[in-house]
Amino acid sequence: PELLVPLLRILTHSKRASEQAPVAAVIANLEHESPLVRGAACGVLGKYGWRGVVRDQVDLIVDELFDDESAYVRIKVYEMLGRWGDAAARAKLAFAAESETNSRALFTIARNLGERDSQSFGPRGDHTLARRFSTWAEVSALDTIHQPLPP
């Protein structure tokens, strides 16, 4: 993991998401024993959500990652889904919000849903989720900013 995590982070920040990029190895790292590697793999895969093959393979694993023991990994999964930003990814984020207990992870879900779904709440739309996160954010934001993130 000492070399794998920096390599995955470089791939995350590279400018191009190529059609030919060999992402199978990155997908395999979603099941790595290290939470740092699993999280870094999510960072890379956030760039490849437009590739159907990637989505099909990751969709098989993503629900398991919602139950990952590491809040860091769950946060990275939520960021990945937020980058994908389509209706299916937003639905998965909303589903994850129902059972997520970590404050930072909930904040990540709220941020990603808020960025994408703010216009989907019509004048008579269901604002329950938005109100839940708004109330939570007011109460929790300062506390969570100063707490270290568990591995």
N, C-alpha and C. Protein backbone atom coordinates (compact mmCIF):
# COMPACT_ATOMS: atom_id res chain seq x y z
N PRO A 1 0.80 -1.21 0.00
CA PRO A 1 0.00 0.00 0.00
C PRO A 1 0.84 1.28 0.00
N GLU A 2 2.11 1.17 0.44
CA GLU A 2 2.94 2.36 0.52
C GLU A 2 3.10 3.04 -0.84
N LEU A 3 3.20 2.25 -1.89
CA LEU A 3 3.34 2.81 -3.24
C LEU A 3 2.01 2.88 -3.98
N LEU A 4 1.09 2.00 -3.62
CA LEU A 4 -0.18 1.93 -4.33
C LEU A 4 -1.04 3.17 -4.10
N VAL A 5 -1.11 3.63 -2.87
CA VAL A 5 -1.95 4.80 -2.57
C VAL A 5 -1.47 6.04 -3.32
N PRO A 6 -0.16 6.37 -3.30
CA PRO A 6 0.28 7.54 -4.09
C PRO A 6 0.02 7.38 -5.58
N LEU A 7 0.19 6.17 -6.10
CA LEU A 7 -0.08 5.93 -7.52
C LEU A 7 -1.54 6.18 -7.84
N LEU A 8 -2.43 5.67 -7.02
CA LEU A 8 -3.86 5.88 -7.24
C LEU A 8 -4.22 7.36 -7.12
N ARG A 9 -3.59 8.06 -6.20
CA ARG A 9 -3.87 9.50 -6.06
C ARG A 9 -3.39 10.28 -7.28
N ILE A 10 -2.27 9.86 -7.86
CA ILE A 10 -1.80 10.50 -9.09
C ILE A 10 -2.81 10.28 -10.21
N LEU A 11 -3.32 9.05 -10.32
CA LEU A 11 -4.32 8.76 -11.34
C LEU A 11 -5.59 9.58 -11.12
N THR A 12 -5.94 9.78 -9.87
CA THR A 12 -7.13 10.58 -9.55
C THR A 12 -6.99 12.01 -10.06
N HIS A 13 -5.79 12.56 -9.96
CA HIS A 13 -5.59 13.96 -10.32
C HIS A 13 -5.04 14.16 -11.73
N SER A 14 -4.87 13.07 -12.48
CA SER A 14 -4.42 13.23 -13.86
C SER A 14 -5.53 13.89 -14.67
N LYS A 15 -5.17 14.57 -15.72
CA LYS A 15 -6.14 15.37 -16.46
C LYS A 15 -7.05 14.56 -17.37
N ARG A 16 -6.59 13.43 -17.85
CA ARG A 16 -7.38 12.69 -18.81
C ARG A 16 -7.98 11.43 -18.21
N ALA A 17 -9.20 11.17 -18.59
CA ALA A 17 -9.86 9.91 -18.28
C ALA A 17 -10.06 9.20 -19.61
N SER A 18 -9.12 8.39 -19.97
CA SER A 18 -9.08 7.77 -21.29
C SER A 18 -10.02 6.57 -21.40
N GLU A 19 -10.57 6.41 -22.58
CA GLU A 19 -11.42 5.25 -22.89
C GLU A 19 -10.63 3.96 -22.76
N GLN A 20 -9.34 4.02 -23.07
CA GLN A 20 -8.50 2.82 -23.06
C GLN A 20 -7.82 2.57 -21.71
N ALA A 21 -8.04 3.41 -20.75
CA ALA A 21 -7.36 3.25 -19.47
C ALA A 21 -7.71 1.90 -18.85
N PRO A 22 -6.71 1.17 -18.39
CA PRO A 22 -6.97 -0.15 -17.79
C PRO A 22 -7.44 0.00 -16.34
N VAL A 23 -8.74 0.07 -16.17
CA VAL A 23 -9.28 0.32 -14.84
C VAL A 23 -9.61 -0.96 -14.07
N ALA A 24 -9.43 -2.11 -14.68
CA ALA A 24 -9.75 -3.37 -13.99
C ALA A 24 -8.94 -3.51 -12.70
N ALA A 25 -7.67 -3.13 -12.75
CA ALA A 25 -6.83 -3.22 -11.55
C ALA A 25 -7.30 -2.23 -10.48
N VAL A 26 -7.78 -1.09 -10.92
CA VAL A 26 -8.28 -0.10 -9.95
C VAL A 26 -9.55 -0.65 -9.29
N ILE A 27 -10.43 -1.23 -10.09
CA ILE A 27 -11.67 -1.81 -9.55
C ILE A 27 -11.34 -2.92 -8.56
N ALA A 28 -10.35 -3.74 -8.88
CA ALA A 28 -9.94 -4.81 -7.96
C ALA A 28 -9.49 -4.26 -6.61
N ASN A 29 -8.95 -3.06 -6.61
CA ASN A 29 -8.47 -2.46 -5.36
C ASN A 29 -9.60 -1.98 -4.46
N LEU A 30 -10.84 -2.01 -4.94
CA LEU A 30 -11.97 -1.69 -4.07
C LEU A 30 -12.13 -2.74 -2.98
N GLU A 31 -11.50 -3.89 -3.18
CA GLU A 31 -11.58 -4.97 -2.19
C GLU A 31 -10.24 -5.19 -1.47
N HIS A 32 -9.34 -4.24 -1.60
CA HIS A 32 -8.03 -4.34 -0.96
C HIS A 32 -8.20 -4.31 0.56
N GLU A 33 -7.26 -4.91 1.28
CA GLU A 33 -7.35 -4.94 2.74
C GLU A 33 -7.16 -3.57 3.39
N SER A 34 -6.45 -2.68 2.72
CA SER A 34 -6.19 -1.36 3.29
C SER A 34 -7.31 -0.37 2.94
N PRO A 35 -7.89 0.29 3.95
CA PRO A 35 -8.91 1.30 3.65
C PRO A 35 -8.36 2.47 2.84
N LEU A 36 -7.08 2.77 3.01
CA LEU A 36 -6.48 3.85 2.22
C LEU A 36 -6.46 3.50 0.74
N VAL A 37 -6.19 2.25 0.42
CA VAL A 37 -6.18 1.81 -0.98
C VAL A 37 -7.61 1.79 -1.52
N ARG A 38 -8.56 1.26 -0.74
CA ARG A 38 -9.95 1.23 -1.20
C ARG A 38 -10.45 2.65 -1.48
N GLY A 39 -10.14 3.58 -0.58
CA GLY A 39 -10.57 4.97 -0.77
C GLY A 39 -9.91 5.62 -1.97
N ALA A 40 -8.62 5.37 -2.14
CA ALA A 40 -7.90 5.94 -3.29
C ALA A 40 -8.45 5.38 -4.60
N ALA A 41 -8.83 4.11 -4.61
CA ALA A 41 -9.42 3.52 -5.82
C ALA A 41 -10.73 4.21 -6.16
N CYS A 42 -11.53 4.54 -5.16
CA CYS A 42 -12.78 5.28 -5.41
C CYS A 42 -12.49 6.63 -6.04
N GLY A 43 -11.42 7.27 -5.60
CA GLY A 43 -11.04 8.56 -6.17
C GLY A 43 -10.77 8.46 -7.66
N VAL A 44 -10.06 7.42 -8.06
CA VAL A 44 -9.78 7.22 -9.49
C VAL A 44 -11.07 6.92 -10.24
N LEU A 45 -11.89 6.04 -9.70
CA LEU A 45 -13.09 5.61 -10.41
C LEU A 45 -14.13 6.71 -10.55
N GLY A 46 -14.02 7.75 -9.74
CA GLY A 46 -14.92 8.88 -9.90
C GLY A 46 -14.81 9.51 -11.28
N LYS A 47 -13.64 9.38 -11.90
CA LYS A 47 -13.42 9.95 -13.23
C LYS A 47 -13.94 9.07 -14.35
N TYR A 48 -14.28 7.82 -14.06
CA TYR A 48 -14.61 6.87 -15.11
C TYR A 48 -16.07 6.42 -15.10
N GLY A 49 -16.92 7.13 -14.41
CA GLY A 49 -18.32 6.76 -14.33
C GLY A 49 -19.05 6.80 -15.66
N TRP A 50 -18.51 7.52 -16.61
CA TRP A 50 -19.13 7.61 -17.93
C TRP A 50 -18.92 6.34 -18.74
N ARG A 51 -18.00 5.48 -18.33
CA ARG A 51 -17.75 4.22 -19.05
C ARG A 51 -18.68 3.15 -18.51
N GLY A 52 -19.55 2.66 -19.39
CA GLY A 52 -20.52 1.65 -18.98
C GLY A 52 -19.91 0.43 -18.35
N VAL A 53 -18.79 -0.02 -18.87
CA VAL A 53 -18.13 -1.20 -18.33
C VAL A 53 -17.70 -0.95 -16.88
N VAL A 54 -17.19 0.23 -16.63
CA VAL A 54 -16.77 0.57 -15.27
C VAL A 54 -17.98 0.60 -14.35
N ARG A 55 -19.03 1.26 -14.78
CA ARG A 55 -20.24 1.36 -13.96
C ARG A 55 -20.79 -0.01 -13.63
N ASP A 56 -20.85 -0.88 -14.63
CA ASP A 56 -21.40 -2.21 -14.40
C ASP A 56 -20.60 -2.97 -13.35
N GLN A 57 -19.29 -2.87 -13.42
CA GLN A 57 -18.44 -3.60 -12.46
C GLN A 57 -18.48 -2.96 -11.07
N VAL A 58 -18.46 -1.66 -11.01
CA VAL A 58 -18.46 -0.97 -9.72
C VAL A 58 -19.82 -1.09 -9.04
N ASP A 59 -20.89 -1.07 -9.82
CA ASP A 59 -22.22 -1.20 -9.23
C ASP A 59 -22.39 -2.50 -8.45
N LEU A 60 -21.66 -3.53 -8.84
CA LEU A 60 -21.73 -4.80 -8.12
C LEU A 60 -21.10 -4.71 -6.74
N ILE A 61 -20.17 -3.80 -6.55
CA ILE A 61 -19.40 -3.70 -5.31
C ILE A 61 -19.85 -2.54 -4.43
N VAL A 62 -20.42 -1.50 -5.04
CA VAL A 62 -20.64 -0.25 -4.31
C VAL A 62 -21.57 -0.43 -3.10
N ASP A 63 -22.58 -1.27 -3.21
CA ASP A 63 -23.48 -1.46 -2.07
C ASP A 63 -22.74 -2.08 -0.88
N GLU A 64 -21.78 -2.96 -1.16
CA GLU A 64 -20.96 -3.52 -0.08
C GLU A 64 -20.10 -2.44 0.56
N LEU A 65 -19.63 -1.50 -0.25
CA LEU A 65 -18.78 -0.43 0.27
C LEU A 65 -19.56 0.52 1.18
N PHE A 66 -20.88 0.59 1.02
CA PHE A 66 -21.70 1.40 1.93
C PHE A 66 -21.58 0.87 3.37
N ASP A 67 -21.26 -0.41 3.51
CA ASP A 67 -21.13 -1.02 4.83
C ASP A 67 -19.68 -1.17 5.27
N ASP A 68 -18.76 -0.55 4.54
CA ASP A 68 -17.35 -0.65 4.89
C ASP A 68 -17.15 -0.14 6.31
N GLU A 69 -16.29 -0.81 7.06
CA GLU A 69 -16.03 -0.40 8.44
C GLU A 69 -15.32 0.94 8.53
N SER A 70 -14.68 1.36 7.46
CA SER A 70 -13.93 2.62 7.45
C SER A 70 -14.80 3.76 6.93
N ALA A 71 -14.99 4.77 7.76
CA ALA A 71 -15.73 5.96 7.32
C ALA A 71 -15.02 6.63 6.15
N TYR A 72 -13.69 6.57 6.15
CA TYR A 72 -12.91 7.15 5.05
C TYR A 72 -13.31 6.52 3.71
N VAL A 73 -13.45 5.21 3.68
CA VAL A 73 -13.83 4.53 2.44
C VAL A 73 -15.24 4.94 2.04
N ARG A 74 -16.16 4.95 2.99
CA ARG A 74 -17.53 5.33 2.66
C ARG A 74 -17.58 6.76 2.11
N ILE A 75 -16.82 7.66 2.71
CA ILE A 75 -16.77 9.04 2.21
C ILE A 75 -16.27 9.06 0.78
N LYS A 76 -15.24 8.31 0.48
CA LYS A 76 -14.70 8.27 -0.88
C LYS A 76 -15.70 7.66 -1.86
N VAL A 77 -16.48 6.68 -1.41
CA VAL A 77 -17.54 6.11 -2.25
C VAL A 77 -18.58 7.18 -2.56
N TYR A 78 -18.98 7.95 -1.55
CA TYR A 78 -19.98 9.00 -1.76
C TYR A 78 -19.45 10.10 -2.69
N GLU A 79 -18.17 10.42 -2.56
CA GLU A 79 -17.57 11.40 -3.47
C GLU A 79 -17.55 10.86 -4.90
N MET A 80 -17.24 9.58 -5.06
CA MET A 80 -17.23 8.96 -6.38
C MET A 80 -18.62 9.05 -7.01
N LEU A 81 -19.63 8.68 -6.25
CA LEU A 81 -21.00 8.74 -6.78
C LEU A 81 -21.39 10.18 -7.09
N GLY A 82 -20.95 11.11 -6.27
CA GLY A 82 -21.22 12.52 -6.53
C GLY A 82 -20.59 12.99 -7.83
N ARG A 83 -19.40 12.53 -8.12
CA ARG A 83 -18.74 12.89 -9.38
C ARG A 83 -19.49 12.30 -10.56
N TRP A 84 -20.02 11.10 -10.39
CA TRP A 84 -20.79 10.50 -11.48
C TRP A 84 -22.04 11.35 -11.73
N GLY A 85 -22.75 11.68 -10.67
CA GLY A 85 -23.81 12.67 -10.71
C GLY A 85 -25.07 12.34 -11.48
N ASP A 86 -25.22 11.14 -12.01
CA ASP A 86 -26.45 10.83 -12.73
C ASP A 86 -27.53 10.38 -11.76
N ALA A 87 -28.73 10.11 -12.30
CA ALA A 87 -29.86 9.76 -11.44
C ALA A 87 -29.59 8.49 -10.63
N ALA A 88 -28.96 7.50 -11.23
CA ALA A 88 -28.67 6.25 -10.51
C ALA A 88 -27.70 6.50 -9.36
N ALA A 89 -26.68 7.31 -9.59
CA ALA A 89 -25.72 7.61 -8.53
C ALA A 89 -26.38 8.41 -7.41
N ARG A 90 -27.24 9.37 -7.76
CA ARG A 90 -27.93 10.16 -6.74
C ARG A 90 -28.88 9.28 -5.92
N ALA A 91 -29.52 8.32 -6.58
CA ALA A 91 -30.41 7.40 -5.86
C ALA A 91 -29.62 6.57 -4.86
N LYS A 92 -28.43 6.14 -5.25
CA LYS A 92 -27.58 5.38 -4.32
C LYS A 92 -27.15 6.25 -3.14
N LEU A 93 -26.85 7.51 -3.41
CA LEU A 93 -26.48 8.43 -2.32
C LEU A 93 -27.65 8.60 -1.34
N ALA A 94 -28.84 8.80 -1.88
CA ALA A 94 -30.01 8.96 -1.02
C ALA A 94 -30.27 7.70 -0.20
N PHE A 95 -30.07 6.54 -0.81
CA PHE A 95 -30.22 5.27 -0.10
C PHE A 95 -29.20 5.17 1.03
N ALA A 96 -27.96 5.51 0.75
CA ALA A 96 -26.89 5.43 1.76
C ALA A 96 -27.17 6.38 2.92
N ALA A 97 -27.80 7.51 2.64
CA ALA A 97 -28.08 8.49 3.69
C ALA A 97 -28.98 7.93 4.78
N GLU A 98 -29.81 6.97 4.42
CA GLU A 98 -30.76 6.42 5.39
C GLU A 98 -30.07 5.63 6.50
N SER A 99 -28.91 5.05 6.20
CA SER A 99 -28.27 4.21 7.22
C SER A 99 -26.90 4.73 7.69
N GLU A 100 -26.39 5.76 7.04
CA GLU A 100 -25.06 6.28 7.41
C GLU A 100 -25.13 6.95 8.79
N THR A 101 -24.14 6.66 9.63
CA THR A 101 -24.11 7.22 10.98
C THR A 101 -22.95 8.18 11.22
N ASN A 102 -21.94 8.16 10.36
CA ASN A 102 -20.78 9.02 10.55
C ASN A 102 -21.11 10.44 10.07
N SER A 103 -20.81 11.42 10.90
CA SER A 103 -21.16 12.81 10.58
C SER A 103 -20.49 13.31 9.31
N ARG A 104 -19.21 13.03 9.16
CA ARG A 104 -18.51 13.49 7.96
C ARG A 104 -19.04 12.80 6.71
N ALA A 105 -19.35 11.53 6.83
CA ALA A 105 -19.89 10.81 5.68
C ALA A 105 -21.26 11.37 5.30
N LEU A 106 -22.09 11.66 6.30
CA LEU A 106 -23.39 12.28 6.02
C LEU A 106 -23.23 13.64 5.37
N PHE A 107 -22.26 14.39 5.84
CA PHE A 107 -22.00 15.69 5.23
C PHE A 107 -21.60 15.53 3.77
N THR A 108 -20.80 14.52 3.46
CA THR A 108 -20.38 14.27 2.08
C THR A 108 -21.58 13.91 1.22
N ILE A 109 -22.46 13.07 1.75
CA ILE A 109 -23.68 12.73 1.01
C ILE A 109 -24.50 13.99 0.77
N ALA A 110 -24.71 14.77 1.82
CA ALA A 110 -25.52 15.99 1.69
C ALA A 110 -24.92 16.94 0.67
N ARG A 111 -23.61 17.13 0.73
CA ARG A 111 -22.95 18.03 -0.22
C ARG A 111 -23.15 17.54 -1.65
N ASN A 112 -22.98 16.26 -1.87
CA ASN A 112 -23.11 15.73 -3.23
C ASN A 112 -24.55 15.71 -3.71
N LEU A 113 -25.47 15.41 -2.84
CA LEU A 113 -26.88 15.50 -3.23
C LEU A 113 -27.29 16.95 -3.43
N GLY A 114 -26.82 17.83 -2.57
CA GLY A 114 -27.17 19.24 -2.69
C GLY A 114 -26.67 19.87 -3.96
N GLU A 115 -25.46 19.52 -4.37
CA GLU A 115 -24.90 20.07 -5.60
C GLU A 115 -25.69 19.62 -6.81
N ARG A 116 -26.17 18.40 -6.78
CA ARG A 116 -26.84 17.84 -7.96
C ARG A 116 -28.35 17.97 -7.91
N ASP A 117 -28.93 17.91 -6.72
CA ASP A 117 -30.38 17.79 -6.62
C ASP A 117 -31.09 19.06 -6.19
N SER A 118 -30.38 20.16 -6.01
CA SER A 118 -31.06 21.35 -5.52
C SER A 118 -32.17 21.78 -6.45
N GLN A 119 -31.99 21.58 -7.76
CA GLN A 119 -33.04 21.97 -8.69
C GLN A 119 -34.12 20.91 -8.84
N SER A 120 -33.91 19.70 -8.29
CA SER A 120 -34.92 18.66 -8.45
C SER A 120 -36.04 18.78 -7.43
N PHE A 121 -35.86 19.59 -6.39
CA PHE A 121 -36.93 19.81 -5.44
C PHE A 121 -37.81 20.93 -5.99
N GLY A 122 -38.96 20.56 -6.50
CA GLY A 122 -39.86 21.55 -7.06
C GLY A 122 -40.52 22.35 -5.96
N PRO A 123 -41.38 23.32 -6.34
CA PRO A 123 -42.03 24.15 -5.34
C PRO A 123 -42.86 23.33 -4.36
N ARG A 124 -43.39 22.20 -4.81
CA ARG A 124 -44.17 21.33 -3.92
C ARG A 124 -43.46 20.01 -3.70
N GLY A 125 -42.19 19.95 -4.03
CA GLY A 125 -41.42 18.71 -3.91
C GLY A 125 -41.19 18.31 -2.46
N ASP A 126 -40.72 17.11 -2.30
CA ASP A 126 -40.44 16.58 -0.97
C ASP A 126 -39.09 17.11 -0.50
N HIS A 127 -39.13 17.99 0.45
CA HIS A 127 -37.91 18.60 0.98
C HIS A 127 -37.42 17.91 2.25
N THR A 128 -37.96 16.73 2.55
CA THR A 128 -37.62 16.05 3.80
C THR A 128 -36.13 15.81 3.91
N LEU A 129 -35.53 15.26 2.85
CA LEU A 129 -34.10 14.96 2.89
C LEU A 129 -33.28 16.25 3.02
N ALA A 130 -33.67 17.27 2.28
CA ALA A 130 -32.95 18.54 2.34
C ALA A 130 -33.05 19.15 3.74
N ARG A 131 -34.23 19.11 4.35
CA ARG A 131 -34.40 19.65 5.71
C ARG A 131 -33.58 18.85 6.72
N ARG A 132 -33.57 17.53 6.54
CA ARG A 132 -32.81 16.68 7.46
C ARG A 132 -31.33 17.06 7.44
N PHE A 133 -30.79 17.24 6.25
CA PHE A 133 -29.38 17.57 6.14
C PHE A 133 -29.10 19.00 6.58
N SER A 134 -30.02 19.90 6.33
CA SER A 134 -29.83 21.28 6.74
C SER A 134 -29.76 21.37 8.27
N THR A 135 -30.68 20.71 8.93
CA THR A 135 -30.67 20.70 10.39
C THR A 135 -29.42 20.04 10.92
N TRP A 136 -29.09 18.89 10.34
CA TRP A 136 -27.89 18.17 10.77
C TRP A 136 -26.65 19.03 10.58
N ALA A 137 -26.54 19.71 9.44
CA ALA A 137 -25.34 20.50 9.15
C ALA A 137 -25.16 21.62 10.16
N GLU A 138 -26.25 22.28 10.52
CA GLU A 138 -26.16 23.36 11.50
C GLU A 138 -25.65 22.85 12.84
N VAL A 139 -26.10 21.68 13.25
CA VAL A 139 -25.74 21.14 14.55
C VAL A 139 -24.34 20.54 14.56
N SER A 140 -23.95 19.89 13.46
CA SER A 140 -22.74 19.06 13.46
C SER A 140 -21.50 19.64 12.80
N ALA A 141 -21.64 20.62 11.96
CA ALA A 141 -20.52 21.04 11.12
C ALA A 141 -19.29 21.41 11.92
N LEU A 142 -19.43 22.23 12.92
CA LEU A 142 -18.26 22.66 13.68
C LEU A 142 -17.61 21.51 14.44
N ASP A 143 -18.42 20.61 14.98
CA ASP A 143 -17.85 19.47 15.71
C ASP A 143 -17.04 18.57 14.80
N THR A 144 -17.55 18.30 13.62
CA THR A 144 -16.88 17.33 12.75
C THR A 144 -15.63 17.88 12.09
N ILE A 145 -15.56 19.16 11.90
CA ILE A 145 -14.39 19.75 11.25
C ILE A 145 -13.13 19.52 12.08
N HIS A 146 -13.28 19.53 13.37
CA HIS A 146 -12.11 19.44 14.25
C HIS A 146 -11.82 18.03 14.76
N GLN A 147 -12.59 17.05 14.30
CA GLN A 147 -12.33 15.67 14.72
C GLN A 147 -11.49 14.96 13.66
N PRO A 148 -10.49 14.18 14.08
CA PRO A 148 -9.71 13.43 13.09
C PRO A 148 -10.57 12.33 12.48
N LEU A 149 -10.35 12.07 11.21
CA LEU A 149 -11.09 11.04 10.50
C LEU A 149 -10.48 9.68 10.80
N PRO A 150 -11.30 8.71 11.22
CA PRO A 150 -10.74 7.38 11.49
C PRO A 150 -10.31 6.71 10.19
N PRO A 151 -9.32 5.81 10.28
CA PRO A 151 -8.87 5.13 9.06
C PRO A 151 -9.91 4.18 8.52
